[in-house]
Amino acid sequence: KKLRATPQQHDTIGMVAVDAKNNISGACTTSG
């Protein structure tokens, strides 16, 4: 519960997606 309320304790955002043409891409970024 505390973790959800304090984003600074998370690390990294990874994101992957499929578009309308059924093509896939992804990105990942962090300060480590």
PDB file of all heavy atoms in Angstrom:
ATOM      1  N   LYS A   1       0.827  -1.203   0.000  1.00  0.00           N
ATOM      2  CA  LYS A   1       0.000   0.000   0.000  1.00  0.00           C
ATOM      3  C   LYS A   1       0.864   1.256   0.000  1.00  0.00           C
ATOM      4  O   LYS A   1       0.600   2.220  -0.724  1.00  0.00           O
ATOM      5  CB  LYS A   1      -0.932  -0.004   1.208  1.00  0.00           C
ATOM      6  CG  LYS A   1      -2.012  -1.068   1.143  1.00  0.00           C
ATOM      7  CD  LYS A   1      -2.939  -0.978   2.327  1.00  0.00           C
ATOM      8  CE  LYS A   1      -4.032  -2.042   2.254  1.00  0.00           C
ATOM      9  NZ  LYS A   1      -4.946  -1.974   3.422  1.00  0.00           N
ATOM     10  N   LYS A   2       1.890   1.248   0.813  1.00  0.00           N
ATOM     11  CA  LYS A   2       2.793   2.399   0.864  1.00  0.00           C
ATOM     12  C   LYS A   2       3.492   2.581  -0.469  1.00  0.00           C
ATOM     13  O   LYS A   2       3.694   3.691  -0.948  1.00  0.00           O
ATOM     14  CB  LYS A   2       3.827   2.206   1.977  1.00  0.00           C
ATOM     15  CG  LYS A   2       4.815   3.358   2.107  1.00  0.00           C
ATOM     16  CD  LYS A   2       5.791   3.091   3.228  1.00  0.00           C
ATOM     17  CE  LYS A   2       6.814   4.227   3.337  1.00  0.00           C
ATOM     18  NZ  LYS A   2       7.812   3.961   4.384  1.00  0.00           N
ATOM     19  N   LEU A   3       3.844   1.477  -1.085  1.00  0.00           N
ATOM     20  CA  LEU A   3       4.556   1.519  -2.365  1.00  0.00           C
ATOM     21  C   LEU A   3       3.722   2.216  -3.428  1.00  0.00           C
ATOM     22  O   LEU A   3       4.212   3.054  -4.165  1.00  0.00           O
ATOM     23  CB  LEU A   3       4.867   0.094  -2.804  1.00  0.00           C
ATOM     24  CG  LEU A   3       5.889  -0.096  -3.909  1.00  0.00           C
ATOM     25  CD1 LEU A   3       7.256   0.320  -3.444  1.00  0.00           C
ATOM     26  CD2 LEU A   3       5.904  -1.533  -4.359  1.00  0.00           C
ATOM     27  N   ARG A   4       2.435   1.902  -3.479  1.00  0.00           N
ATOM     28  CA  ARG A   4       1.566   2.524  -4.470  1.00  0.00           C
ATOM     29  C   ARG A   4       1.430   4.014  -4.220  1.00  0.00           C
ATOM     30  O   ARG A   4       1.228   4.794  -5.149  1.00  0.00           O
ATOM     31  CB  ARG A   4       0.197   1.863  -4.463  1.00  0.00           C
ATOM     32  CG  ARG A   4       0.194   0.485  -5.066  1.00  0.00           C
ATOM     33  CD  ARG A   4      -1.204   0.052  -5.419  1.00  0.00           C
ATOM     34  NE  ARG A   4      -1.174  -1.216  -6.135  1.00  0.00           N
ATOM     35  CZ  ARG A   4      -2.198  -1.674  -6.826  1.00  0.00           C
ATOM     36  NH1 ARG A   4      -3.297  -0.970  -6.922  1.00  0.00           N
ATOM     37  NH2 ARG A   4      -2.115  -2.833  -7.440  1.00  0.00           N
ATOM     38  N   ALA A   5       1.519   4.440  -2.964  1.00  0.00           N
ATOM     39  CA  ALA A   5       1.350   5.850  -2.629  1.00  0.00           C
ATOM     40  C   ALA A   5       2.635   6.646  -2.796  1.00  0.00           C
ATOM     41  O   ALA A   5       2.619   7.870  -2.784  1.00  0.00           O
ATOM     42  CB  ALA A   5       0.855   5.980  -1.190  1.00  0.00           C
ATOM     43  N   THR A   6       3.756   5.939  -2.977  1.00  0.00           N
ATOM     44  CA  THR A   6       5.041   6.635  -3.078  1.00  0.00           C
ATOM     45  C   THR A   6       5.796   6.118  -4.291  1.00  0.00           C
ATOM     46  O   THR A   6       6.607   5.199  -4.194  1.00  0.00           O
ATOM     47  CB  THR A   6       5.898   6.401  -1.815  1.00  0.00           C
ATOM     48  OG1 THR A   6       5.999   4.991  -1.575  1.00  0.00           O
ATOM     49  CG2 THR A   6       5.267   7.043  -0.607  1.00  0.00           C
ATOM     50  N   PRO A   7       5.527   6.695  -5.466  1.00  0.00           N
ATOM     51  CA  PRO A   7       6.135   6.199  -6.704  1.00  0.00           C
ATOM     52  C   PRO A   7       7.654   6.162  -6.673  1.00  0.00           C
ATOM     53  O   PRO A   7       8.274   5.401  -7.390  1.00  0.00           O
ATOM     54  CB  PRO A   7       5.634   7.209  -7.749  1.00  0.00           C
ATOM     55  CG  PRO A   7       4.384   7.771  -7.174  1.00  0.00           C
ATOM     56  CD  PRO A   7       4.605   7.805  -5.695  1.00  0.00           C
ATOM     57  N   GLN A   8       8.278   6.986  -5.815  1.00  0.00           N
ATOM     58  CA  GLN A   8       9.726   7.019  -5.804  1.00  0.00           C
ATOM     59  C   GLN A   8      10.330   5.687  -5.381  1.00  0.00           C
ATOM     60  O   GLN A   8      11.509   5.439  -5.587  1.00  0.00           O
ATOM     61  CB  GLN A   8      10.247   8.133  -4.883  1.00  0.00           C
ATOM     62  CG  GLN A   8       9.921   7.948  -3.396  1.00  0.00           C
ATOM     63  CD  GLN A   8       8.609   8.581  -3.010  1.00  0.00           C
ATOM     64  OE1 GLN A   8       7.764   8.814  -3.870  1.00  0.00           O
ATOM     65  NE2 GLN A   8       8.430   8.872  -1.739  1.00  0.00           N
ATOM     66  N   GLN A   9       9.531   4.812  -4.775  1.00  0.00           N
ATOM     67  CA  GLN A   9      10.067   3.520  -4.372  1.00  0.00           C
ATOM     68  C   GLN A   9      10.026   2.509  -5.517  1.00  0.00           C
ATOM     69  O   GLN A   9      10.570   1.426  -5.396  1.00  0.00           O
ATOM     70  CB  GLN A   9       9.288   2.983  -3.172  1.00  0.00           C
ATOM     71  CG  GLN A   9       9.528   3.822  -1.921  1.00  0.00           C
ATOM     72  CD  GLN A   9       9.028   3.120  -0.692  1.00  0.00           C
ATOM     73  OE1 GLN A   9       9.227   1.919  -0.534  1.00  0.00           O
ATOM     74  NE2 GLN A   9       8.397   3.846   0.197  1.00  0.00           N
ATOM     75  N   HIS A  10       9.338   2.868  -6.579  1.00  0.00           N
ATOM     76  CA  HIS A  10       9.346   2.005  -7.756  1.00  0.00           C
ATOM     77  C   HIS A  10      10.631   2.228  -8.537  1.00  0.00           C
ATOM     78  O   HIS A  10      11.356   3.190  -8.302  1.00  0.00           O
ATOM     79  CB  HIS A  10       8.157   2.331  -8.654  1.00  0.00           C
ATOM     80  CG  HIS A  10       6.844   2.034  -8.022  1.00  0.00           C
ATOM     81  ND1 HIS A  10       6.356   0.771  -7.889  1.00  0.00           N
ATOM     82  CD2 HIS A  10       5.913   2.850  -7.480  1.00  0.00           C
ATOM     83  CE1 HIS A  10       5.176   0.814  -7.304  1.00  0.00           C
ATOM     84  NE2 HIS A  10       4.881   2.061  -7.035  1.00  0.00           N
ATOM     85  N   ASP A  11      10.900   1.366  -9.464  1.00  0.00           N
ATOM     86  CA  ASP A  11      12.031   1.635 -10.340  1.00  0.00           C
ATOM     87  C   ASP A  11      11.671   1.242 -11.749  1.00  0.00           C
ATOM     88  O   ASP A  11      11.031   0.221 -11.957  1.00  0.00           O
ATOM     89  CB  ASP A  11      13.283   0.894  -9.874  1.00  0.00           C
ATOM     90  CG  ASP A  11      13.237  -0.582 -10.185  1.00  0.00           C
ATOM     91  OD1 ASP A  11      12.183  -1.213  -9.939  1.00  0.00           O
ATOM     92  OD2 ASP A  11      14.232  -1.119 -10.663  1.00  0.00           O
ATOM     93  N   THR A  12      12.038   2.091 -12.681  1.00  0.00           N
ATOM     94  CA  THR A  12      11.919   1.781 -14.108  1.00  0.00           C
ATOM     95  C   THR A  12      10.475   1.860 -14.609  1.00  0.00           C
ATOM     96  O   THR A  12       9.541   1.484 -13.920  1.00  0.00           O
ATOM     97  CB  THR A  12      12.447   0.359 -14.422  1.00  0.00           C
ATOM     98  OG1 THR A  12      13.732   0.194 -13.852  1.00  0.00           O
ATOM     99  CG2 THR A  12      12.522   0.119 -15.906  1.00  0.00           C
ATOM    100  N   ILE A  13      10.335   2.327 -15.836  1.00  0.00           N
ATOM    101  CA  ILE A  13       9.106   2.061 -16.580  1.00  0.00           C
ATOM    102  C   ILE A  13       9.488   1.291 -17.824  1.00  0.00           C
ATOM    103  O   ILE A  13      10.346   1.709 -18.600  1.00  0.00           O
ATOM    104  CB  ILE A  13       8.317   3.333 -16.959  1.00  0.00           C
ATOM    105  CG1 ILE A  13       7.113   2.952 -17.847  1.00  0.00           C
ATOM    106  CG2 ILE A  13       9.203   4.384 -17.618  1.00  0.00           C
ATOM    107  CD1 ILE A  13       6.138   4.072 -18.109  1.00  0.00           C
ATOM    108  N   GLY A  14       8.876   0.133 -17.978  1.00  0.00           N
ATOM    109  CA  GLY A  14       8.976  -0.643 -19.212  1.00  0.00           C
ATOM    110  C   GLY A  14       7.613  -0.609 -19.875  1.00  0.00           C
ATOM    111  O   GLY A  14       6.586  -0.735 -19.198  1.00  0.00           O
ATOM    112  N   MET A  15       7.580  -0.418 -21.175  1.00  0.00           N
ATOM    113  CA  MET A  15       6.312  -0.324 -21.899  1.00  0.00           C
ATOM    114  C   MET A  15       6.428  -1.027 -23.242  1.00  0.00           C
ATOM    115  O   MET A  15       7.397  -0.819 -23.973  1.00  0.00           O
ATOM    116  CB  MET A  15       5.936   1.151 -22.115  1.00  0.00           C
ATOM    117  CG  MET A  15       4.655   1.358 -22.910  1.00  0.00           C
ATOM    118  SD  MET A  15       4.261   3.124 -23.144  1.00  0.00           S
ATOM    119  CE  MET A  15       3.671   3.549 -21.502  1.00  0.00           C
ATOM    120  N   VAL A  16       5.434  -1.867 -23.579  1.00  0.00           N
ATOM    121  CA  VAL A  16       5.393  -2.530 -24.877  1.00  0.00           C
ATOM    122  C   VAL A  16       3.992  -2.365 -25.443  1.00  0.00           C
ATOM    123  O   VAL A  16       2.998  -2.307 -24.701  1.00  0.00           O
ATOM    124  CB  VAL A  16       5.788  -4.018 -24.794  1.00  0.00           C
ATOM    125  CG1 VAL A  16       7.264  -4.152 -24.453  1.00  0.00           C
ATOM    126  CG2 VAL A  16       4.949  -4.757 -23.753  1.00  0.00           C
ATOM    127  N   ALA A  17       3.892  -2.275 -26.766  1.00  0.00           N
ATOM    128  CA  ALA A  17       2.608  -1.969 -27.385  1.00  0.00           C
ATOM    129  C   ALA A  17       2.458  -2.650 -28.738  1.00  0.00           C
ATOM    130  O   ALA A  17       3.435  -2.891 -29.444  1.00  0.00           O
ATOM    131  CB  ALA A  17       2.455  -0.456 -27.553  1.00  0.00           C
ATOM    132  N   VAL A  18       1.197  -2.926 -29.092  1.00  0.00           N
ATOM    133  CA  VAL A  18       0.816  -3.417 -30.412  1.00  0.00           C
ATOM    134  C   VAL A  18      -0.093  -2.363 -31.023  1.00  0.00           C
ATOM    135  O   VAL A  18      -1.061  -1.923 -30.382  1.00  0.00           O
ATOM    136  CB  VAL A  18       0.065  -4.757 -30.336  1.00  0.00           C
ATOM    137  CG1 VAL A  18      -0.246  -5.283 -31.734  1.00  0.00           C
ATOM    138  CG2 VAL A  18       0.869  -5.787 -29.548  1.00  0.00           C
ATOM    139  N   ASP A  19       0.192  -1.931 -32.255  1.00  0.00           N
ATOM    140  CA  ASP A  19      -0.626  -0.885 -32.865  1.00  0.00           C
ATOM    141  C   ASP A  19      -1.707  -1.466 -33.784  1.00  0.00           C
ATOM    142  O   ASP A  19      -1.860  -2.693 -33.901  1.00  0.00           O
ATOM    143  CB  ASP A  19       0.246   0.145 -33.590  1.00  0.00           C
ATOM    144  CG  ASP A  19       1.075  -0.438 -34.732  1.00  0.00           C
ATOM    145  OD1 ASP A  19       0.648  -1.426 -35.356  1.00  0.00           O
ATOM    146  OD2 ASP A  19       2.168   0.112 -35.008  1.00  0.00           O
ATOM    147  N   ALA A  20      -2.453  -0.581 -34.440  1.00  0.00           N
ATOM    148  CA  ALA A  20      -3.578  -1.007 -35.267  1.00  0.00           C
ATOM    149  C   ALA A  20      -3.141  -1.831 -36.474  1.00  0.00           C
ATOM    150  O   ALA A  20      -3.935  -2.580 -37.045  1.00  0.00           O
ATOM    151  CB  ALA A  20      -4.376   0.214 -35.723  1.00  0.00           C
ATOM    152  N   LYS A  21      -1.875  -1.693 -36.880  1.00  0.00           N
ATOM    153  CA  LYS A  21      -1.344  -2.482 -37.987  1.00  0.00           C
ATOM    154  C   LYS A  21      -0.747  -3.800 -37.508  1.00  0.00           C
ATOM    155  O   LYS A  21      -0.122  -4.520 -38.277  1.00  0.00           O
ATOM    156  CB  LYS A  21      -0.296  -1.671 -38.749  1.00  0.00           C
ATOM    157  CG  LYS A  21      -0.869  -0.457 -39.465  1.00  0.00           C
ATOM    158  CD  LYS A  21       0.203   0.272 -40.258  1.00  0.00           C
ATOM    159  CE  LYS A  21      -0.373   1.456 -41.005  1.00  0.00           C
ATOM    160  NZ  LYS A  21       0.668   2.197 -41.770  1.00  0.00           N
ATOM    161  N   ASN A  22      -0.926  -4.076 -36.220  1.00  0.00           N
ATOM    162  CA  ASN A  22      -0.425  -5.300 -35.601  1.00  0.00           C
ATOM    163  C   ASN A  22       1.097  -5.341 -35.528  1.00  0.00           C
ATOM    164  O   ASN A  22       1.705  -6.407 -35.526  1.00  0.00           O
ATOM    165  CB  ASN A  22      -0.960  -6.543 -36.318  1.00  0.00           C
ATOM    166  CG  ASN A  22      -1.102  -7.748 -35.394  1.00  0.00           C
ATOM    167  OD1 ASN A  22      -0.829  -8.865 -35.786  1.00  0.00           O
ATOM    168  ND2 ASN A  22      -1.512  -7.516 -34.159  1.00  0.00           N
ATOM    169  N   ASN A  23       1.712  -4.167 -35.487  1.00  0.00           N
ATOM    170  CA  ASN A  23       3.153  -4.065 -35.294  1.00  0.00           C
ATOM    171  C   ASN A  23       3.456  -3.751 -33.830  1.00  0.00           C
ATOM    172  O   ASN A  23       2.676  -3.082 -33.142  1.00  0.00           O
ATOM    173  CB  ASN A  23       3.749  -2.988 -36.195  1.00  0.00           C
ATOM    174  CG  ASN A  23       3.796  -3.416 -37.644  1.00  0.00           C
ATOM    175  OD1 ASN A  23       4.039  -4.585 -37.946  1.00  0.00           O
ATOM    176  ND2 ASN A  23       3.536  -2.492 -38.554  1.00  0.00           N
ATOM    177  N   ILE A  24       4.612  -4.222 -33.379  1.00  0.00           N
ATOM    178  CA  ILE A  24       4.965  -4.174 -31.959  1.00  0.00           C
ATOM    179  C   ILE A  24       6.232  -3.355 -31.750  1.00  0.00           C
ATOM    180  O   ILE A  24       7.182  -3.454 -32.531  1.00  0.00           O
ATOM    181  CB  ILE A  24       5.195  -5.594 -31.407  1.00  0.00           C
ATOM    182  CG1 ILE A  24       4.011  -6.508 -31.768  1.00  0.00           C
ATOM    183  CG2 ILE A  24       5.398  -5.570 -29.905  1.00  0.00           C
ATOM    184  CD1 ILE A  24       4.246  -7.980 -31.434  1.00  0.00           C
ATOM    185  N   SER A  25       6.253  -2.549 -30.684  1.00  0.00           N
ATOM    186  CA  SER A  25       7.458  -1.829 -30.283  1.00  0.00           C
ATOM    187  C   SER A  25       7.505  -1.754 -28.762  1.00  0.00           C
ATOM    188  O   SER A  25       6.510  -2.037 -28.082  1.00  0.00           O
ATOM    189  CB  SER A  25       7.480  -0.407 -30.866  1.00  0.00           C
ATOM    190  OG  SER A  25       7.615  -0.427 -32.263  1.00  0.00           O
ATOM    191  N   GLY A  26       8.661  -1.354 -28.231  1.00  0.00           N
ATOM    192  CA  GLY A  26       8.790  -1.232 -26.787  1.00  0.00           C
ATOM    193  C   GLY A  26       9.846  -0.220 -26.398  1.00  0.00           C
ATOM    194  O   GLY A  26      10.699   0.160 -27.207  1.00  0.00           O
ATOM    195  N   ALA A  27       9.767   0.235 -25.140  1.00  0.00           N
ATOM    196  CA  ALA A  27      10.752   1.167 -24.592  1.00  0.00           C
ATOM    197  C   ALA A  27      10.914   0.890 -23.111  1.00  0.00           C
ATOM    198  O   ALA A  27       9.994   0.394 -22.451  1.00  0.00           O
ATOM    199  CB  ALA A  27      10.324   2.615 -24.820  1.00  0.00           C
ATOM    200  N   CYS A  28      12.082   1.232 -22.598  1.00  0.00           N
ATOM    201  CA  CYS A  28      12.367   1.047 -21.176  1.00  0.00           C
ATOM    202  C   CYS A  28      13.294   2.174 -20.743  1.00  0.00           C
ATOM    203  O   CYS A  28      14.267   2.490 -21.443  1.00  0.00           O
ATOM    204  CB  CYS A  28      13.022  -0.314 -20.944  1.00  0.00           C
ATOM    205  SG  CYS A  28      13.195  -0.773 -19.208  1.00  0.00           S
ATOM    206  N   THR A  29      13.003   2.809 -19.609  1.00  0.00           N
ATOM    207  CA  THR A  29      13.827   3.946 -19.183  1.00  0.00           C
ATOM    208  C   THR A  29      13.869   4.046 -17.666  1.00  0.00           C
ATOM    209  O   THR A  29      12.886   3.720 -16.990  1.00  0.00           O
ATOM    210  CB  THR A  29      13.310   5.249 -19.828  1.00  0.00           C
ATOM    211  OG1 THR A  29      14.249   6.296 -19.628  1.00  0.00           O
ATOM    212  CG2 THR A  29      11.957   5.652 -19.290  1.00  0.00           C
ATOM    213  N   THR A  30      14.989   4.499 -17.117  1.00  0.00           N
ATOM    214  CA  THR A  30      15.176   4.515 -15.665  1.00  0.00           C
ATOM    215  C   THR A  30      16.345   5.407 -15.267  1.00  0.00           C
ATOM    216  O   THR A  30      17.210   5.720 -16.096  1.00  0.00           O
ATOM    217  CB  THR A  30      15.459   3.088 -15.147  1.00  0.00           C
ATOM    218  OG1 THR A  30      15.489   3.072 -13.729  1.00  0.00           O
ATOM    219  CG2 THR A  30      16.791   2.572 -15.666  1.00  0.00           C
ATOM    220  N   SER A  31      16.372   5.793 -14.000  1.00  0.00           N
ATOM    221  CA  SER A  31      17.570   6.418 -13.427  1.00  0.00           C
ATOM    222  C   SER A  31      18.347   5.401 -12.602  1.00  0.00           C
ATOM    223  O   SER A  31      19.359   5.730 -11.984  1.00  0.00           O
ATOM    224  CB  SER A  31      17.193   7.632 -12.563  1.00  0.00           C
ATOM    225  OG  SER A  31      16.288   7.261 -11.535  1.00  0.00           O
ATOM    226  N   GLY A  32      17.878   4.183 -12.585  1.00  0.00           N
ATOM    227  CA  GLY A  32      18.627   3.100 -11.947  1.00  0.00           C
ATOM    228  C   GLY A  32      18.470   3.061 -10.438  1.00  0.00           C
ATOM    229  O   GLY A  32      17.727   3.834  -9.837  1.00  0.00           O
TER     230      GLY A  32
END
